[in-house]
PDB file of N, CA and C in Angstrom:
ATOM      1  N   ARG A   1     196.857  83.503  52.333  1.00  0.00           N
ATOM      2  CA  ARG A   1     197.594  83.638  52.468  1.00  0.00           C
ATOM      3  C   ARG A   1     197.072  84.662  53.622  1.00  0.00           C
ATOM      4  N   TYR A   2     196.075  85.532  52.853  1.00  0.00           N
ATOM      5  CA  TYR A   2     195.645  86.629  54.349  1.00  0.00           C
ATOM      6  C   TYR A   2     194.945  85.893  55.221  1.00  0.00           C
ATOM      7  N   GLN A   3     194.481  85.062  54.934  1.00  0.00           N
ATOM      8  CA  GLN A   3     193.519  84.006  56.102  1.00  0.00           C
ATOM      9  C   GLN A   3     194.210  83.516  56.995  1.00  0.00           C
ATOM     10  N   LYS A   4     195.523  82.950  57.009  1.00  0.00           N
ATOM     11  CA  LYS A   4     196.380  82.606  57.612  1.00  0.00           C
ATOM     12  C   LYS A   4     196.919  83.394  57.996  1.00  0.00           C
ATOM     13  N   LEU A   5     197.241  85.098  57.438  1.00  0.00           N
ATOM     14  CA  LEU A   5     197.823  85.480  58.971  1.00  0.00           C
ATOM     15  C   LEU A   5     197.255  86.277  59.748  1.00  0.00           C
ATOM     16  N   ALA A   6     195.804  86.477  59.254  1.00  0.00           N
ATOM     17  CA  ALA A   6     194.104  86.988  59.959  1.00  0.00           C
ATOM     18  C   ALA A   6     194.847  85.803  61.200  1.00  0.00           C
ATOM     19  N   VAL A   7     194.768  84.692  61.231  1.00  0.00           N
ATOM     20  CA  VAL A   7     194.338  83.464  62.427  1.00  0.00           C
ATOM     21  C   VAL A   7     195.256  84.291  62.878  1.00  0.00           C
ATOM     22  N   GLU A   8     196.951  83.908  62.396  1.00  0.00           N
ATOM     23  CA  GLU A   8     198.374  83.743  63.335  1.00  0.00           C
ATOM     24  C   GLU A   8     197.820  85.481  64.326  1.00  0.00           C
ATOM     25  N   ASN A   9     197.019  86.447  63.378  1.00  0.00           N
ATOM     26  CA  ASN A   9     197.365  87.764  64.574  1.00  0.00           C
ATOM     27  C   ASN A   9     195.837  87.860  65.078  1.00  0.00           C
ATOM     28  N   ALA A  10     194.850  87.166  65.000  1.00  0.00           N
ATOM     29  CA  ALA A  10     193.750  86.587  65.751  1.00  0.00           C
ATOM     30  C   ALA A  10     194.444  86.377  67.258  1.00  0.00           C
ATOM     31  N   GLU A  11     195.654  85.068  66.816  1.00  0.00           N
ATOM     32  CA  GLU A  11     195.510  84.243  68.005  1.00  0.00           C
ATOM     33  C   GLU A  11     196.550  85.306  68.762  1.00  0.00           C
ATOM     34  N   LEU A  12     197.859  85.859  68.500  1.00  0.00           N
ATOM     35  CA  LEU A  12     198.527  86.597  68.488  1.00  0.00           C
ATOM     36  C   LEU A  12     198.060  87.504  69.881  1.00  0.00           C
ATOM     37  N   ALA A  13     196.829  88.363  69.301  1.00  0.00           N
ATOM     38  CA  ALA A  13     196.366  89.168  69.713  1.00  0.00           C
ATOM     39  C   ALA A  13     195.615  88.376  71.356  1.00  0.00           C
ATOM     40  N   ARG A  14     194.887  87.217  71.255  1.00  0.00           N
ATOM     41  CA  ARG A  14     194.445  86.463  72.405  1.00  0.00           C
ATOM     42  C   ARG A  14     195.967  86.467  73.380  1.00  0.00           C
ATOM     43  N   ASN A  15     197.089  86.780  72.826  1.00  0.00           N
ATOM     44  CA  ASN A  15     198.230  85.787  73.503  1.00  0.00           C
ATOM     45  C   ASN A  15     198.631  87.047  74.468  1.00  0.00           C
ATOM     46  N   ILE A  16     198.743  88.673  73.604  1.00  0.00           N
ATOM     47  CA  ILE A  16     199.005  89.559  74.226  1.00  0.00           C
ATOM     48  C   ILE A  16     197.669  90.100  75.346  1.00  0.00           C
ATOM     49  N   ASP A  17     196.362  89.635  74.719  1.00  0.00           N
ATOM     50  CA  ASP A  17     195.586  89.763  76.060  1.00  0.00           C
ATOM     51  C   ASP A  17     195.653  88.985  76.938  1.00  0.00           C
ATOM     52  N   GLN A  18     196.296  87.675  77.114  1.00  0.00           N
ATOM     53  CA  GLN A  18     196.291  86.369  78.144  1.00  0.00           C
ATOM     54  C   GLN A  18     197.755  87.604  78.935  1.00  0.00           C
ATOM     55  N   ILE A  19     198.106  87.861  78.245  1.00  0.00           N
ATOM     56  CA  ILE A  19     199.630  88.479  78.896  1.00  0.00           C
ATOM     57  C   ILE A  19     199.830  89.656  79.945  1.00  0.00           C
ATOM     58  N   ARG A  20     198.513  90.494  79.408  1.00  0.00           N
ATOM     59  CA  ARG A  20     198.439  91.356  80.084  1.00  0.00           C
ATOM     60  C   ARG A  20     197.612  91.019  81.386  1.00  0.00           C
ATOM     61  N   ILE A  21     196.792  90.348  80.932  1.00  0.00           N
ATOM     62  CA  ILE A  21     195.645  90.080  82.128  1.00  0.00           C
ATOM     63  C   ILE A  21     196.802  89.090  83.294  1.00  0.00           C
ATOM     64  N   GLU A  22     197.763  88.791  83.020  1.00  0.00           N
ATOM     65  CA  GLU A  22     198.551  87.993  83.908  1.00  0.00           C
ATOM     66  C   GLU A  22     199.642  89.114  84.418  1.00  0.00           C
ATOM     67  N   ASP A  23     199.777  89.742  84.091  1.00  0.00           N
ATOM     68  CA  ASP A  23     200.601  90.906  84.089  1.00  0.00           C
ATOM     69  C   ASP A  23     200.484  92.104  85.377  1.00  0.00           C
ATOM     70  N   ALA A  24     198.510  92.488  85.132  1.00  0.00           N
ATOM     71  CA  ALA A  24     197.679  92.825  85.729  1.00  0.00           C
ATOM     72  C   ALA A  24     197.508  92.186  87.533  1.00  0.00           C
ATOM     73  N   LYS A  25     197.810  91.274  87.046  1.00  0.00           N
ATOM     74  CA  LYS A  25     197.278  90.070  88.179  1.00  0.00           C
ATOM     75  C   LYS A  25     198.554  89.877  89.088  1.00  0.00           C
ATOM     76  N   ARG A  26     199.846  89.851  88.327  1.00  0.00           N
ATOM     77  CA  ARG A  26     200.329  90.169  89.446  1.00  0.00           C
ATOM     78  C   ARG A  26     200.796  91.451  89.928  1.00  0.00           C
ATOM     79  N   ALA A  27     200.597  92.226  89.173  1.00  0.00           N
ATOM     80  CA  ALA A  27     201.058  93.780  90.001  1.00  0.00           C
ATOM     81  C   ALA A  27     199.602  93.987  91.279  1.00  0.00           C
ATOM     82  N   TYR A  28     198.397  93.448  90.607  1.00  0.00           N
ATOM     83  CA  TYR A  28     197.794  93.613  92.105  1.00  0.00           C
ATOM     84  C   TYR A  28     197.983  93.091  93.192  1.00  0.00           C
ATOM     85  N   GLN A  29     198.872  91.657  92.982  1.00  0.00           N
ATOM     86  CA  GLN A  29     199.497  91.088  93.676  1.00  0.00           C
ATOM     87  C   GLN A  29     200.505  91.771  95.122  1.00  0.00           C
ATOM     88  N   ARG A  30     201.191  92.395  93.831  1.00  0.00           N
ATOM     89  CA  ARG A  30     202.077  93.149  94.994  1.00  0.00           C
ATOM     90  C   ARG A  30     202.306  94.264  95.504  1.00  0.00           C
ATOM     91  N   GLN A  31     200.623  94.809  95.093  1.00  0.00           N
ATOM     92  CA  GLN A  31     199.879  95.688  95.031  1.00  0.00           C
ATOM     93  C   GLN A  31     199.280  95.270  96.868  1.00  0.00           C
ATOM     94  N   VAL A  32     199.160  94.832  97.084  1.00  0.00           N
ATOM     95  CA  VAL A  32     198.159  93.770  97.767  1.00  0.00           C
ATOM     96  C   VAL A  32     199.217  93.339  99.023  1.00  0.00           C
ATOM     97  N   GLN A  33     200.742  92.754  98.477  1.00  0.00           N
ATOM     98  CA  GLN A  33     201.503  92.364  99.309  1.00  0.00           C
ATOM     99  C   GLN A  33     201.921  93.728 100.014  1.00  0.00           C
ATOM    100  N   SER A  34     202.537  94.762  99.823  1.00  0.00           N
ATOM    101  CA  SER A  34     202.714  96.272  99.742  1.00  0.00           C
ATOM    102  C   SER A  34     202.263  96.643 100.756  1.00  0.00           C
ATOM    103  N   SER A  35     201.090  96.726 100.249  1.00  0.00           N
ATOM    104  CA  SER A  35     199.967  97.687 101.123  1.00  0.00           C
ATOM    105  C   SER A  35     199.679  96.472 102.620  1.00  0.00           C
ATOM    106  N   LYS A  36     199.836  95.240 102.739  1.00  0.00           N
ATOM    107  CA  LYS A  36     200.071  94.488 103.979  1.00  0.00           C
ATOM    108  C   LYS A  36     201.010  94.800 104.825  1.00  0.00           C
ATOM    109  N   ILE A  37     202.502  95.632 104.051  1.00  0.00           N
ATOM    110  CA  ILE A  37     203.778  96.063 104.610  1.00  0.00           C
ATOM    111  C   ILE A  37     203.478  97.385 105.467  1.00  0.00           C
ATOM    112  N   SER A  38     202.705  97.987 104.394  1.00  0.00           N
ATOM    113  CA  SER A  38     202.523  99.519 105.196  1.00  0.00           C
ATOM    114  C   SER A  38     201.588  99.492 106.334  1.00  0.00           C
ATOM    115  N   SER A  39     201.211  98.656 106.194  1.00  0.00           N
ATOM    116  CA  SER A  39     199.551  98.592 106.932  1.00  0.00           C
ATOM    117  C   SER A  39     200.244  98.008 108.860  1.00  0.00           C
ATOM    118  N   GLU A  40     201.423  97.187 108.531  1.00  0.00           N
ATOM    119  CA  GLU A  40     201.697  96.612 109.466  1.00  0.00           C
ATOM    120  C   GLU A  40     202.480  97.622 110.208  1.00  0.00           C
ATOM    121  N   ALA A  41     202.992  98.026 108.746  1.00  0.00           N
ATOM    122  CA  ALA A  41     204.568  99.567 109.637  1.00  0.00           C
ATOM    123  C   ALA A  41     203.576 100.432 110.244  1.00  0.00           C
ATOM    124  N   ILE A  42     202.599 100.884 109.492  1.00  0.00           N
ATOM    125  CA  ILE A  42     201.338 101.928 110.181  1.00  0.00           C
ATOM    126  C   ILE A  42     200.763 101.685 111.811  1.00  0.00           C
ATOM    127  N   ALA A  43     200.241 100.298 111.526  1.00  0.00           N
ATOM    128  CA  ALA A  43     200.035  99.931 112.870  1.00  0.00           C
ATOM    129  C   ALA A  43     201.344 100.024 114.348  1.00  0.00           C
ATOM    130  N   TRP A  44     202.052  99.408 113.603  1.00  0.00           N
ATOM    131  CA  TRP A  44     203.333  99.322 114.232  1.00  0.00           C
ATOM    132  C   TRP A  44     203.658 100.671 115.565  1.00  0.00           C
ATOM    133  N   GLN A  45     203.820 101.753 114.339  1.00  0.00           N
ATOM    134  CA  GLN A  45     204.044 102.943 114.816  1.00  0.00           C
ATOM    135  C   GLN A  45     202.988 103.447 115.339  1.00  0.00           C
ATOM    136  N   GLN A  46     201.596 103.387 115.376  1.00  0.00           N
ATOM    137  CA  GLN A  46     200.603 104.042 116.082  1.00  0.00           C
ATOM    138  C   GLN A  46     200.784 103.526 117.239  1.00  0.00           C
ATOM    139  N   LYS A  47     200.878 102.458 117.560  1.00  0.00           N
ATOM    140  CA  LYS A  47     200.629 101.776 118.844  1.00  0.00           C
ATOM    141  C   LYS A  47     202.562 101.991 119.704  1.00  0.00           C
ATOM    142  N   ILE A  48     203.257 102.491 119.015  1.00  0.00           N
ATOM    143  CA  ILE A  48     204.596 103.434 119.402  1.00  0.00           C
ATOM    144  C   ILE A  48     203.824 104.795 120.042  1.00  0.00           C
ATOM    145  N   THR A  49     203.638 105.325 119.210  1.00  0.00           N
ATOM    146  CA  THR A  49     203.535 106.743 119.204  1.00  0.00           C
ATOM    147  C   THR A  49     202.482 106.813 120.243  1.00  0.00           C
ATOM    148  N   THR A  50     201.425 106.089 120.399  1.00  0.00           N
ATOM    149  CA  THR A  50     199.783 106.141 121.374  1.00  0.00           C
ATOM    150  C   THR A  50     200.641 105.860 122.711  1.00  0.00           C
ATOM    151  N   GLU A  51     201.782 104.890 123.126  1.00  0.00           N
ATOM    152  CA  GLU A  51     202.459 104.687 124.135  1.00  0.00           C
ATOM    153  C   GLU A  51     203.330 105.771 124.002  1.00  0.00           C
ATOM    154  N   GLU A  52     204.476 106.485 123.717  1.00  0.00           N
ATOM    155  CA  GLU A  52     205.294 106.978 124.048  1.00  0.00           C
ATOM    156  C   GLU A  52     204.230 108.540 124.714  1.00  0.00           C
ATOM    157  N   LEU A  53     203.541 108.895 123.768  1.00  0.00           N
ATOM    158  CA  LEU A  53     202.517 110.190 124.190  1.00  0.00           C
ATOM    159  C   LEU A  53     201.703 109.493 125.589  1.00  0.00           C
ATOM    160  N   SER A  54     201.736 108.166 125.915  1.00  0.00           N
ATOM    161  CA  SER A  54     201.181 108.180 127.212  1.00  0.00           C
ATOM    162  C   SER A  54     202.642 108.469 128.454  1.00  0.00           C
ATOM    163  N   LEU A  55     203.476 108.002 128.116  1.00  0.00           N
ATOM    164  CA  LEU A  55     204.408 108.098 128.932  1.00  0.00           C
ATOM    165  C   LEU A  55     204.777 109.477 128.975  1.00  0.00           C
ATOM    166  N   TYR A  56     205.339 110.604 128.124  1.00  0.00           N
ATOM    167  CA  TYR A  56     205.907 111.904 128.004  1.00  0.00           C
ATOM    168  C   TYR A  56     204.285 112.897 128.569  1.00  0.00           C
ATOM    169  N   ARG A  57     203.379 112.406 128.574  1.00  0.00           N
ATOM    170  CA  ARG A  57     202.202 112.941 129.438  1.00  0.00           C
ATOM    171  C   ARG A  57     202.364 112.907 130.902  1.00  0.00           C
ATOM    172  N   GLN A  58     202.683 111.468 131.305  1.00  0.00           N
ATOM    173  CA  GLN A  58     202.697 111.538 132.794  1.00  0.00           C
ATOM    174  C   GLN A  58     203.559 111.732 132.951  1.00  0.00           C
ATOM    175  N   ASN A  59     204.800 112.052 132.834  1.00  0.00           N
ATOM    176  CA  ASN A  59     206.675 112.684 132.865  1.00  0.00           C
ATOM    177  C   ASN A  59     206.019 114.359 133.022  1.00  0.00           C
ATOM    178  N   ALA A  60     205.057 114.871 132.250  1.00  0.00           N
ATOM    179  CA  ALA A  60     205.165 116.457 131.898  1.00  0.00           C
ATOM    180  C   ALA A  60     204.217 116.804 132.997  1.00  0.00           C
ATOM    181  N   GLN A  61     203.419 115.366 133.286  1.00  0.00           N
ATOM    182  CA  GLN A  61     202.527 116.232 135.066  1.00  0.00           C
ATOM    183  C   GLN A  61     203.163 115.730 136.025  1.00  0.00           C
ATOM    184  N   ASP A  62     204.299 114.436 136.556  1.00  0.00           N
ATOM    185  CA  ASP A  62     205.225 114.934 137.291  1.00  0.00           C
ATOM    186  C   ASP A  62     205.772 116.174 136.913  1.00  0.00           C
ATOM    187  N   HIS A  63     206.252 116.293 135.937  1.00  0.00           N
ATOM    188  CA  HIS A  63     207.470 117.730 136.173  1.00  0.00           C
ATOM    189  C   HIS A  63     206.776 118.977 136.677  1.00  0.00           C
ATOM    190  N   ALA A  64     205.699 119.261 136.478  1.00  0.00           N
ATOM    191  CA  ALA A  64     204.563 119.831 136.937  1.00  0.00           C
ATOM    192  C   ALA A  64     204.599 120.230 138.244  1.00  0.00           C
ATOM    193  N   GLY A  65     203.834 119.412 139.012  1.00  0.00           N
ATOM    194  CA  GLY A  65     203.883 118.600 140.333  1.00  0.00           C
ATOM    195  C   GLY A  65     205.210 119.720 140.858  1.00  0.00           C
ATOM    196  N   TRP A  66     206.561 118.872 140.508  1.00  0.00           N
ATOM    197  CA  TRP A  66     207.933 118.686 141.356  1.00  0.00           C
ATOM    198  C   TRP A  66     208.383 120.314 140.674  1.00  0.00           C
ATOM    199  N   TYR A  67     207.970 121.128 139.583  1.00  0.00           N
ATOM    200  CA  TYR A  67     208.154 122.444 139.699  1.00  0.00           C
ATOM    201  C   TYR A  67     207.400 123.413 140.431  1.00  0.00           C
ATOM    202  N   LYS A  68     206.862 123.130 140.656  1.00  0.00           N
ATOM    203  CA  LYS A  68     205.540 123.304 142.002  1.00  0.00           C
ATOM    204  C   LYS A  68     205.801 123.143 143.432  1.00  0.00           C
ATOM    205  N   ALA A  69     206.543 122.390 143.899  1.00  0.00           N
ATOM    206  CA  ALA A  69     206.635 121.826 144.629  1.00  0.00           C
ATOM    207  C   ALA A  69     208.377 122.371 144.820  1.00  0.00           C
ATOM    208  N   GLY A  70     208.841 123.091 144.093  1.00  0.00           N
ATOM    209  CA  GLY A  70     210.197 123.823 144.014  1.00  0.00           C
ATOM    210  C   GLY A  70     211.117 122.309 143.489  1.00  0.00           C
ATOM    211  N   LEU A  71     211.168 122.076 143.462  1.00  0.00           N
ATOM    212  CA  LEU A  71     212.046 120.597 143.323  1.00  0.00           C
ATOM    213  C   LEU A  71     213.189 120.215 142.076  1.00  0.00           C
ATOM    214  N   ILE A  72     212.334 121.174 140.640  1.00  0.00           N
ATOM    215  CA  ILE A  72     212.896 121.428 139.366  1.00  0.00           C
ATOM    216  C   ILE A  72     213.087 123.451 139.283  1.00  0.00           C
ATOM    217  N   THR A  73     213.700 123.061 137.932  1.00  0.00           N
ATOM    218  CA  THR A  73     213.639 124.511 137.915  1.00  0.00           C
ATOM    219  C   THR A  73     212.542 124.471 136.291  1.00  0.00           C
ATOM    220  N   SER A  74     212.395 125.779 136.096  1.00  0.00           N
ATOM    221  CA  SER A  74     211.468 125.963 135.094  1.00  0.00           C
ATOM    222  C   SER A  74     211.960 125.721 133.992  1.00  0.00           C
ATOM    223  N   PHE A  75     213.372 125.610 133.326  1.00  0.00           N
ATOM    224  CA  PHE A  75     213.924 124.649 132.515  1.00  0.00           C
ATOM    225  C   PHE A  75     213.439 123.606 132.761  1.00  0.00           C
ATOM    226  N   ASP A  76     213.617 122.894 133.478  1.00  0.00           N
ATOM    227  CA  ASP A  76     213.427 121.354 133.191  1.00  0.00           C
ATOM    228  C   ASP A  76     212.059 121.059 132.668  1.00  0.00           C
ATOM    229  N   HIS A  77     211.278 121.377 133.651  1.00  0.00           N
ATOM    230  CA  HIS A  77     209.304 121.605 133.574  1.00  0.00           C
ATOM    231  C   HIS A  77     209.342 122.149 131.999  1.00  0.00           C
ATOM    232  N   LEU A  78     209.429 122.955 131.614  1.00  0.00           N
ATOM    233  CA  LEU A  78     209.332 123.506 130.330  1.00  0.00           C
ATOM    234  C   LEU A  78     209.549 122.768 129.141  1.00  0.00           C
ATOM    235  N   GLN A  79     211.174 121.746 129.440  1.00  0.00           N
ATOM    236  CA  GLN A  79     211.678 120.744 128.356  1.00  0.00           C
ATOM    237  C   GLN A  79     211.395 119.499 128.216  1.00  0.00           C
ATOM    238  N   ALA A  80     210.006 119.154 129.947  1.00  0.00           N
ATOM    239  CA  ALA A  80     209.325 117.848 129.949  1.00  0.00           C
ATOM    240  C   ALA A  80     207.731 118.354 128.557  1.00  0.00           C
ATOM    241  N   VAL A  81     207.870 120.095 129.068  1.00  0.00           N
ATOM    242  CA  VAL A  81     206.064 120.311 128.518  1.00  0.00           C
ATOM    243  C   VAL A  81     206.186 120.106 127.402  1.00  0.00           C
ATOM    244  N   LEU A  82     207.709 120.432 126.899  1.00  0.00           N
ATOM    245  CA  LEU A  82     208.047 120.515 125.025  1.00  0.00           C
ATOM    246  C   LEU A  82     207.971 119.024 124.475  1.00  0.00           C
ATOM    247  N   GLU A  83     208.870 118.275 125.527  1.00  0.00           N
ATOM    248  CA  GLU A  83     208.732 116.793 125.036  1.00  0.00           C
ATOM    249  C   GLU A  83     207.635 116.269 124.825  1.00  0.00           C
ATOM    250  N   TYR A  84     206.346 116.232 125.662  1.00  0.00           N
ATOM    251  CA  TYR A  84     204.759 116.282 125.707  1.00  0.00           C
ATOM    252  C   TYR A  84     204.579 116.694 124.047  1.00  0.00           C
ATOM    253  N   ARG A  85     204.840 117.453 124.258  1.00  0.00           N
ATOM    254  CA  ARG A  85     203.929 118.490 122.835  1.00  0.00           C
ATOM    255  C   ARG A  85     204.678 117.273 121.299  1.00  0.00           C
ATOM    256  N   LYS A  86     205.790 117.218 121.246  1.00  0.00           N
ATOM    257  CA  LYS A  86     206.558 116.661 120.589  1.00  0.00           C
ATOM    258  C   LYS A  86     205.365 115.152 120.106  1.00  0.00           C
ATOM    259  N   ALA A  87     206.018 114.839 121.520  1.00  0.00           N
ATOM    260  CA  ALA A  87     204.494 113.823 120.822  1.00  0.00           C
ATOM    261  C   ALA A  87     203.258 113.437 120.603  1.00  0.00           C
ATOM    262  N   VAL A  88     202.926 114.584 121.270  1.00  0.00           N
ATOM    263  CA  VAL A  88     201.090 114.964 120.605  1.00  0.00           C
ATOM    264  C   VAL A  88     201.724 115.277 119.067  1.00  0.00           C
ATOM    265  N   ILE A  89     202.092 115.786 118.440  1.00  0.00           N
ATOM    266  CA  ILE A  89     202.615 115.925 117.732  1.00  0.00           C
ATOM    267  C   ILE A  89     202.816 114.123 116.379  1.00  0.00           C
ATOM    268  N   ARG A  90     203.921 113.486 116.922  1.00  0.00           N
ATOM    269  CA  ARG A  90     204.348 112.195 116.910  1.00  0.00           C
ATOM    270  C   ARG A  90     203.092 111.518 116.255  1.00  0.00           C
ATOM    271  N   ASN A  91     202.080 111.601 117.518  1.00  0.00           N
ATOM    272  CA  ASN A  91     200.963 110.828 117.723  1.00  0.00           C
ATOM    273  C   ASN A  91     200.059 110.830 116.499  1.00  0.00           C
ATOM    274  N   ALA A  92     199.544 112.373 116.318  1.00  0.00           N
ATOM    275  CA  ALA A  92     199.273 112.843 115.242  1.00  0.00           C
ATOM    276  C   ALA A  92     199.366 112.622 113.905  1.00  0.00           C
ATOM    277  N   LYS A  93     200.861 112.773 113.966  1.00  0.00           N
ATOM    278  CA  LYS A  93     201.093 112.239 112.108  1.00  0.00           C
ATOM    279  C   LYS A  93     200.775 110.738 112.124  1.00  0.00           C
ATOM    280  N   ALA A  94     200.864 110.216 113.104  1.00  0.00           N
ATOM    281  CA  ALA A  94     200.772 108.285 113.331  1.00  0.00           C
ATOM    282  C   ALA A  94     199.343 108.235 113.178  1.00  0.00           C
ATOM    283  N   LYS A  95     198.657 108.823 113.085  1.00  0.00           N
ATOM    284  CA  LYS A  95     197.398 109.128 113.161  1.00  0.00           C
ATOM    285  C   LYS A  95     196.584 109.010 111.535  1.00  0.00           C
ATOM    286  N   THR A  96     197.482 110.750 111.060  1.00  0.00           N
ATOM    287  CA  THR A  96     197.156 111.029 109.582  1.00  0.00           C
ATOM    288  C   THR A  96     197.517 109.963 108.334  1.00  0.00           C
ATOM    289  N   ALA A  97     198.877 109.526 109.309  1.00  0.00           N
ATOM    290  CA  ALA A  97     199.421 107.843 107.874  1.00  0.00           C
ATOM    291  C   ALA A  97     198.611 107.188 108.253  1.00  0.00           C
ATOM    292  N   VAL A  98     197.559 106.673 109.125  1.00  0.00           N
ATOM    293  CA  VAL A  98     196.679 105.719 108.872  1.00  0.00           C
ATOM    294  C   VAL A  98     195.381 106.074 108.411  1.00  0.00           C
ATOM    295  N   ILE A  99     194.628 107.384 108.440  1.00  0.00           N
ATOM    296  CA  ILE A  99     193.837 107.836 107.270  1.00  0.00           C
ATOM    297  C   ILE A  99     194.309 107.871 106.161  1.00  0.00           C
ATOM    298  N   ILE A 100     194.918 108.621 106.081  1.00  0.00           N
ATOM    299  CA  ILE A 100     195.864 108.294 104.379  1.00  0.00           C
ATOM    300  C   ILE A 100     195.686 106.792 103.660  1.00  0.00           C
ATOM    301  N   PHE A 101     196.724 106.103 104.667  1.00  0.00           N
ATOM    302  CA  PHE A 101     196.619 104.975 104.128  1.00  0.00           C
ATOM    303  C   PHE A 101     194.982 104.316 104.029  1.00  0.00           C
ATOM    304  N   ASN A 102     194.013 104.300 104.705  1.00  0.00           N
ATOM    305  CA  ASN A 102     192.974 103.793 105.188  1.00  0.00           C
ATOM    306  C   ASN A 102     192.179 104.397 103.021  1.00  0.00           C
ATOM    307  N   HIS A 103     192.661 105.749 103.180  1.00  0.00           N
ATOM    308  CA  HIS A 103     191.907 106.017 101.732  1.00  0.00           C
ATOM    309  C   HIS A 103     192.502 105.613 100.451  1.00  0.00           C
ATOM    310  N   GLU A 104     194.466 105.601 100.634  1.00  0.00           N
ATOM    311  CA  GLU A 104     194.634 104.957  99.766  1.00  0.00           C
ATOM    312  C   GLU A 104     194.079 103.463  98.874  1.00  0.00           C
ATOM    313  N   THR A 105     193.722 102.608 100.307  1.00  0.00           N
ATOM    314  CA  THR A 105     193.143 101.425 100.407  1.00  0.00           C
ATOM    315  C   THR A 105     192.025 101.229  99.898  1.00  0.00           C
ATOM    316  N   LYS A 106     191.279 102.418 100.184  1.00  0.00           N
ATOM    317  CA  LYS A 106     189.593 102.128  99.227  1.00  0.00           C
ATOM    318  C   LYS A 106     189.594 102.548  97.476  1.00  0.00           C
ATOM    319  N   LEU A 107     190.497 103.340  97.893  1.00  0.00           N
ATOM    320  CA  LEU A 107     191.238 103.939  95.985  1.00  0.00           C
ATOM    321  C   LEU A 107     191.124 103.296  95.094  1.00  0.00           C
ATOM    322  N   LEU A 108     192.117 101.813  95.668  1.00  0.00           N
ATOM    323  CA  LEU A 108     192.592 100.693  95.320  1.00  0.00           C
ATOM    324  C   LEU A 108     191.389  99.687  94.506  1.00  0.00           C
ATOM    325  N   PHE A 109     190.146  99.572  95.089  1.00  0.00           N
ATOM    326  CA  PHE A 109     188.872  99.254  94.944  1.00  0.00           C
ATOM    327  C   PHE A 109     187.498 100.058  94.293  1.00  0.00           C
ATOM    328  N   GLN A 110     188.045 101.069  94.082  1.00  0.00           N
ATOM    329  CA  GLN A 110     187.409 102.458  93.164  1.00  0.00           C
ATOM    330  C   GLN A 110     187.005 101.883  91.592  1.00  0.00           C
TER     331      GLN A 110
END
């Protein structure tokens, strides 16, 4: 009777190990899919903020020229400079998100 129970326990242990392996595989696949989605979102965000930065840089330069020519007020010029600086910050955040994502991805394989 003890021998039979030992055999059944061994079989159950193998089944439990197999279930853990399958769970680990599914968790890995979910993590890969999640990372892929995050990667695409981060790449899109970085592209958008880079384009936005270029646009606001040009806008600030245009406003500086117009201010020097006396066509706009100081407030308008400073507003354009402020928007450019906000775009710089958003772009830096997007770059930081890429760095963080890369480090987190690297940690998955260590």
